[in-house]
Amino acid sequence: MSRFARTALAFLGILLALVCFALFVYYPAFPKSVAGWLGLLFIGVPLIFFFEWLGNITLGVSFFNRLPSAGRVALGVPIVILVMVVVKWLAGSAALLINR
């Protein structure tokens, strides 16, 4: 098998895994049209990476490490709740698009 064929198969395998994961994440929403599948590929999958990045940025800030335990909880819980609200809104919007 040529190098190009192996690269193409690896790319298709990764893409298939990402699509399956996105279908799992947005479970009640299932694409029923070409626009829905395109929305899943070009909006749903990048949103998953964005959510991961946002969580890492939010919880990985060194500012929290310098606070005492009670301060981390007092600041961290509202920030995590706010991030969860943003993620839920974005995921709901993506699910509406995917469901078309």
N, C-alpha and C. Protein backbone atom coordinates (compact mmCIF):
# COMPACT_ATOMS: atom_id res chain seq x y z
N MET A 1 0.85 -1.17 0.00
CA MET A 1 0.00 0.00 0.00
C MET A 1 0.91 1.24 0.00
N SER A 2 0.54 2.19 -0.82
CA SER A 2 1.36 3.39 -0.94
C SER A 2 1.23 4.30 0.28
N ARG A 3 2.17 5.18 0.39
CA ARG A 3 2.16 6.12 1.51
C ARG A 3 0.92 7.02 1.46
N PHE A 4 0.53 7.44 0.26
CA PHE A 4 -0.65 8.28 0.11
C PHE A 4 -1.91 7.54 0.57
N ALA A 5 -2.03 6.28 0.20
CA ALA A 5 -3.21 5.49 0.58
C ALA A 5 -3.27 5.32 2.10
N ARG A 6 -2.13 5.06 2.72
CA ARG A 6 -2.10 4.93 4.19
C ARG A 6 -2.47 6.24 4.86
N THR A 7 -1.96 7.35 4.35
CA THR A 7 -2.29 8.66 4.92
C THR A 7 -3.77 8.96 4.75
N ALA A 8 -4.32 8.66 3.58
CA ALA A 8 -5.74 8.90 3.33
C ALA A 8 -6.61 8.04 4.24
N LEU A 9 -6.25 6.77 4.41
CA LEU A 9 -7.01 5.90 5.31
C LEU A 9 -6.91 6.36 6.76
N ALA A 10 -5.74 6.82 7.17
CA ALA A 10 -5.59 7.33 8.54
C ALA A 10 -6.44 8.57 8.75
N PHE A 11 -6.45 9.46 7.76
CA PHE A 11 -7.26 10.67 7.85
C PHE A 11 -8.75 10.31 7.92
N LEU A 12 -9.19 9.40 7.08
CA LEU A 12 -10.59 8.99 7.11
C LEU A 12 -10.96 8.30 8.42
N GLY A 13 -10.04 7.53 8.98
CA GLY A 13 -10.29 6.89 10.27
C GLY A 13 -10.44 7.91 11.39
N ILE A 14 -9.57 8.91 11.39
CA ILE A 14 -9.66 9.97 12.41
C ILE A 14 -10.95 10.76 12.24
N LEU A 15 -11.29 11.07 11.00
CA LEU A 15 -12.53 11.81 10.74
C LEU A 15 -13.75 11.00 11.18
N LEU A 16 -13.75 9.70 10.90
CA LEU A 16 -14.86 8.85 11.32
C LEU A 16 -14.97 8.81 12.85
N ALA A 17 -13.82 8.71 13.53
CA ALA A 17 -13.84 8.71 14.99
C ALA A 17 -14.39 10.02 15.54
N LEU A 18 -13.98 11.15 14.95
CA LEU A 18 -14.49 12.45 15.40
C LEU A 18 -15.99 12.58 15.17
N VAL A 19 -16.46 12.11 14.03
CA VAL A 19 -17.90 12.18 13.74
C VAL A 19 -18.67 11.30 14.71
N CYS A 20 -18.18 10.10 14.99
CA CYS A 20 -18.86 9.23 15.95
C CYS A 20 -18.89 9.87 17.34
N PHE A 21 -17.78 10.49 17.74
CA PHE A 21 -17.74 11.15 19.04
C PHE A 21 -18.71 12.33 19.07
N ALA A 22 -18.77 13.10 17.99
CA ALA A 22 -19.69 14.24 17.94
C ALA A 22 -21.14 13.76 17.98
N LEU A 23 -21.45 12.67 17.30
CA LEU A 23 -22.81 12.12 17.37
C LEU A 23 -23.15 11.69 18.79
N PHE A 24 -22.16 11.16 19.50
CA PHE A 24 -22.37 10.78 20.90
C PHE A 24 -22.60 12.01 21.78
N VAL A 25 -21.83 13.05 21.56
CA VAL A 25 -21.94 14.26 22.39
C VAL A 25 -23.28 14.95 22.17
N TYR A 26 -23.70 15.06 20.92
CA TYR A 26 -24.95 15.75 20.59
C TYR A 26 -26.08 14.74 20.40
N TYR A 27 -26.13 13.67 21.21
CA TYR A 27 -26.96 12.50 20.98
C TYR A 27 -28.41 12.75 20.56
N PRO A 28 -29.21 13.51 21.26
CA PRO A 28 -30.58 13.60 20.77
C PRO A 28 -30.67 14.20 19.37
N ALA A 29 -29.69 15.01 19.03
CA ALA A 29 -29.68 15.63 17.70
C ALA A 29 -28.99 14.68 16.73
N PHE A 30 -29.65 14.40 15.63
CA PHE A 30 -29.08 13.54 14.59
C PHE A 30 -29.29 14.21 13.25
N PRO A 31 -28.24 14.34 12.46
CA PRO A 31 -28.38 15.01 11.16
C PRO A 31 -29.32 14.25 10.24
N LYS A 32 -30.24 15.00 9.63
CA LYS A 32 -31.21 14.39 8.72
C LYS A 32 -31.05 14.91 7.30
N SER A 33 -30.11 15.81 7.10
CA SER A 33 -29.90 16.38 5.77
C SER A 33 -28.42 16.66 5.56
N VAL A 34 -28.08 17.07 4.38
CA VAL A 34 -26.69 17.42 4.07
C VAL A 34 -26.25 18.60 4.93
N ALA A 35 -27.14 19.57 5.11
CA ALA A 35 -26.80 20.73 5.94
C ALA A 35 -26.55 20.31 7.39
N GLY A 36 -27.31 19.35 7.88
CA GLY A 36 -27.09 18.85 9.23
C GLY A 36 -25.75 18.16 9.38
N TRP A 37 -25.37 17.34 8.39
CA TRP A 37 -24.08 16.66 8.43
C TRP A 37 -22.94 17.67 8.32
N LEU A 38 -23.11 18.67 7.48
CA LEU A 38 -22.08 19.71 7.37
C LEU A 38 -21.96 20.49 8.67
N GLY A 39 -23.12 20.76 9.30
CA GLY A 39 -23.10 21.43 10.60
C GLY A 39 -22.39 20.61 11.65
N LEU A 40 -22.62 19.29 11.62
CA LEU A 40 -21.94 18.41 12.57
C LEU A 40 -20.44 18.44 12.35
N LEU A 41 -20.01 18.37 11.10
CA LEU A 41 -18.58 18.34 10.79
C LEU A 41 -17.89 19.66 11.05
N PHE A 42 -18.52 20.76 10.61
CA PHE A 42 -17.82 22.04 10.63
C PHE A 42 -18.16 22.91 11.83
N ILE A 43 -19.19 22.57 12.58
CA ILE A 43 -19.53 23.33 13.79
C ILE A 43 -19.46 22.44 15.02
N GLY A 44 -20.05 21.25 14.94
CA GLY A 44 -20.09 20.36 16.10
C GLY A 44 -18.73 19.88 16.56
N VAL A 45 -17.92 19.40 15.63
CA VAL A 45 -16.60 18.89 15.99
C VAL A 45 -15.67 20.01 16.50
N PRO A 46 -15.58 21.16 15.82
CA PRO A 46 -14.73 22.22 16.38
C PRO A 46 -15.21 22.73 17.74
N LEU A 47 -16.53 22.71 17.98
CA LEU A 47 -17.03 23.14 19.29
C LEU A 47 -16.53 22.22 20.40
N ILE A 48 -16.41 20.93 20.11
CA ILE A 48 -15.90 20.01 21.13
C ILE A 48 -14.48 20.40 21.52
N PHE A 49 -13.65 20.70 20.51
CA PHE A 49 -12.28 21.14 20.81
C PHE A 49 -12.27 22.48 21.54
N PHE A 50 -13.18 23.38 21.17
CA PHE A 50 -13.28 24.66 21.86
C PHE A 50 -13.67 24.47 23.32
N PHE A 51 -14.61 23.57 23.59
CA PHE A 51 -15.02 23.31 24.97
C PHE A 51 -13.85 22.78 25.80
N GLU A 52 -13.08 21.88 25.22
CA GLU A 52 -11.91 21.35 25.92
C GLU A 52 -10.91 22.46 26.21
N TRP A 53 -10.66 23.31 25.22
CA TRP A 53 -9.72 24.41 25.39
C TRP A 53 -10.21 25.38 26.46
N LEU A 54 -11.50 25.70 26.42
CA LEU A 54 -12.08 26.63 27.40
C LEU A 54 -11.97 26.08 28.81
N GLY A 55 -12.23 24.79 28.97
CA GLY A 55 -12.09 24.17 30.29
C GLY A 55 -10.66 24.20 30.80
N ASN A 56 -9.71 23.93 29.91
CA ASN A 56 -8.30 23.96 30.31
C ASN A 56 -7.86 25.37 30.67
N ILE A 57 -8.29 26.34 29.91
CA ILE A 57 -7.94 27.73 30.21
C ILE A 57 -8.56 28.16 31.54
N THR A 58 -9.81 27.82 31.74
CA THR A 58 -10.53 28.25 32.94
C THR A 58 -9.95 27.62 34.20
N LEU A 59 -9.71 26.33 34.16
CA LEU A 59 -9.27 25.64 35.38
C LEU A 59 -7.76 25.56 35.53
N GLY A 60 -7.02 25.94 34.49
CA GLY A 60 -5.58 25.86 34.56
C GLY A 60 -4.89 27.18 34.85
N VAL A 61 -5.63 28.18 35.23
CA VAL A 61 -5.05 29.50 35.51
C VAL A 61 -4.24 29.43 36.80
N SER A 62 -3.03 29.96 36.77
CA SER A 62 -2.17 29.92 37.95
C SER A 62 -2.69 30.82 39.07
N PHE A 63 -3.58 31.74 38.74
CA PHE A 63 -4.16 32.63 39.75
C PHE A 63 -4.84 31.82 40.85
N PHE A 64 -5.52 30.74 40.47
CA PHE A 64 -6.23 29.92 41.46
C PHE A 64 -5.27 29.19 42.39
N ASN A 65 -4.08 28.87 41.92
CA ASN A 65 -3.13 28.13 42.75
C ASN A 65 -2.62 28.96 43.92
N ARG A 66 -2.64 30.28 43.78
CA ARG A 66 -2.14 31.14 44.85
C ARG A 66 -3.19 31.44 45.91
N LEU A 67 -4.44 31.11 45.64
CA LEU A 67 -5.51 31.38 46.60
C LEU A 67 -5.61 30.27 47.64
N PRO A 68 -6.11 30.61 48.81
CA PRO A 68 -6.39 29.55 49.79
C PRO A 68 -7.56 28.69 49.29
N SER A 69 -7.77 27.60 49.94
CA SER A 69 -8.77 26.63 49.51
C SER A 69 -10.17 27.25 49.42
N ALA A 70 -10.55 28.01 50.44
CA ALA A 70 -11.89 28.63 50.44
C ALA A 70 -12.02 29.65 49.30
N GLY A 71 -10.96 30.36 49.01
CA GLY A 71 -10.98 31.33 47.91
C GLY A 71 -11.12 30.65 46.56
N ARG A 72 -10.44 29.50 46.40
CA ARG A 72 -10.57 28.75 45.14
C ARG A 72 -12.00 28.30 44.91
N VAL A 73 -12.62 27.83 45.97
CA VAL A 73 -14.02 27.37 45.85
C VAL A 73 -14.93 28.56 45.60
N ALA A 74 -14.72 29.65 46.33
CA ALA A 74 -15.59 30.82 46.20
C ALA A 74 -15.52 31.45 44.81
N LEU A 75 -14.35 31.43 44.18
CA LEU A 75 -14.22 31.98 42.83
C LEU A 75 -14.41 30.92 41.75
N GLY A 76 -13.93 29.72 42.02
CA GLY A 76 -13.96 28.68 41.00
C GLY A 76 -15.35 28.18 40.66
N VAL A 77 -16.18 27.99 41.66
CA VAL A 77 -17.53 27.44 41.40
C VAL A 77 -18.36 28.37 40.52
N PRO A 78 -18.45 29.68 40.80
CA PRO A 78 -19.22 30.54 39.90
C PRO A 78 -18.63 30.60 38.48
N ILE A 79 -17.30 30.57 38.37
CA ILE A 79 -16.70 30.62 37.04
C ILE A 79 -17.01 29.34 36.28
N VAL A 80 -16.92 28.20 36.93
CA VAL A 80 -17.24 26.93 36.27
C VAL A 80 -18.72 26.89 35.87
N ILE A 81 -19.59 27.41 36.72
CA ILE A 81 -21.02 27.45 36.38
C ILE A 81 -21.24 28.34 35.17
N LEU A 82 -20.56 29.48 35.12
CA LEU A 82 -20.68 30.37 33.97
C LEU A 82 -20.18 29.69 32.69
N VAL A 83 -19.05 29.00 32.77
CA VAL A 83 -18.53 28.27 31.62
C VAL A 83 -19.51 27.18 31.19
N MET A 84 -20.12 26.49 32.15
CA MET A 84 -21.09 25.45 31.82
C MET A 84 -22.31 26.03 31.11
N VAL A 85 -22.75 27.21 31.52
CA VAL A 85 -23.89 27.86 30.86
C VAL A 85 -23.53 28.21 29.42
N VAL A 86 -22.33 28.75 29.21
CA VAL A 86 -21.89 29.10 27.86
C VAL A 86 -21.80 27.85 26.99
N VAL A 87 -21.22 26.78 27.54
CA VAL A 87 -21.09 25.53 26.79
C VAL A 87 -22.47 24.95 26.46
N LYS A 88 -23.39 24.98 27.40
CA LYS A 88 -24.73 24.45 27.17
C LYS A 88 -25.43 25.25 26.08
N TRP A 89 -25.30 26.56 26.10
CA TRP A 89 -25.94 27.39 25.09
C TRP A 89 -25.35 27.12 23.71
N LEU A 90 -24.02 27.05 23.62
CA LEU A 90 -23.37 26.78 22.33
C LEU A 90 -23.71 25.37 21.83
N ALA A 91 -23.71 24.39 22.72
CA ALA A 91 -24.03 23.02 22.32
C ALA A 91 -25.49 22.92 21.90
N GLY A 92 -26.38 23.62 22.58
CA GLY A 92 -27.79 23.63 22.18
C GLY A 92 -28.00 24.26 20.83
N SER A 93 -27.27 25.35 20.56
CA SER A 93 -27.36 26.00 19.26
C SER A 93 -26.83 25.08 18.16
N ALA A 94 -25.73 24.40 18.43
CA ALA A 94 -25.18 23.46 17.45
C ALA A 94 -26.14 22.30 17.23
N ALA A 95 -26.78 21.82 18.29
CA ALA A 95 -27.73 20.71 18.16
C ALA A 95 -28.93 21.11 17.30
N LEU A 96 -29.38 22.35 17.42
CA LEU A 96 -30.48 22.81 16.57
C LEU A 96 -30.07 22.82 15.11
N LEU A 97 -28.84 23.23 14.84
CA LEU A 97 -28.35 23.24 13.47
C LEU A 97 -28.17 21.82 12.94
N ILE A 98 -27.65 20.94 13.77
CA ILE A 98 -27.40 19.55 13.37
C ILE A 98 -28.71 18.83 13.10
N ASN A 99 -29.74 19.15 13.86
CA ASN A 99 -31.03 18.47 13.75
C ASN A 99 -31.76 18.78 12.45
N ARG A 100 -31.30 19.72 11.66
CA ARG A 100 -31.97 20.09 10.42
C ARG A 100 -31.74 19.10 9.34
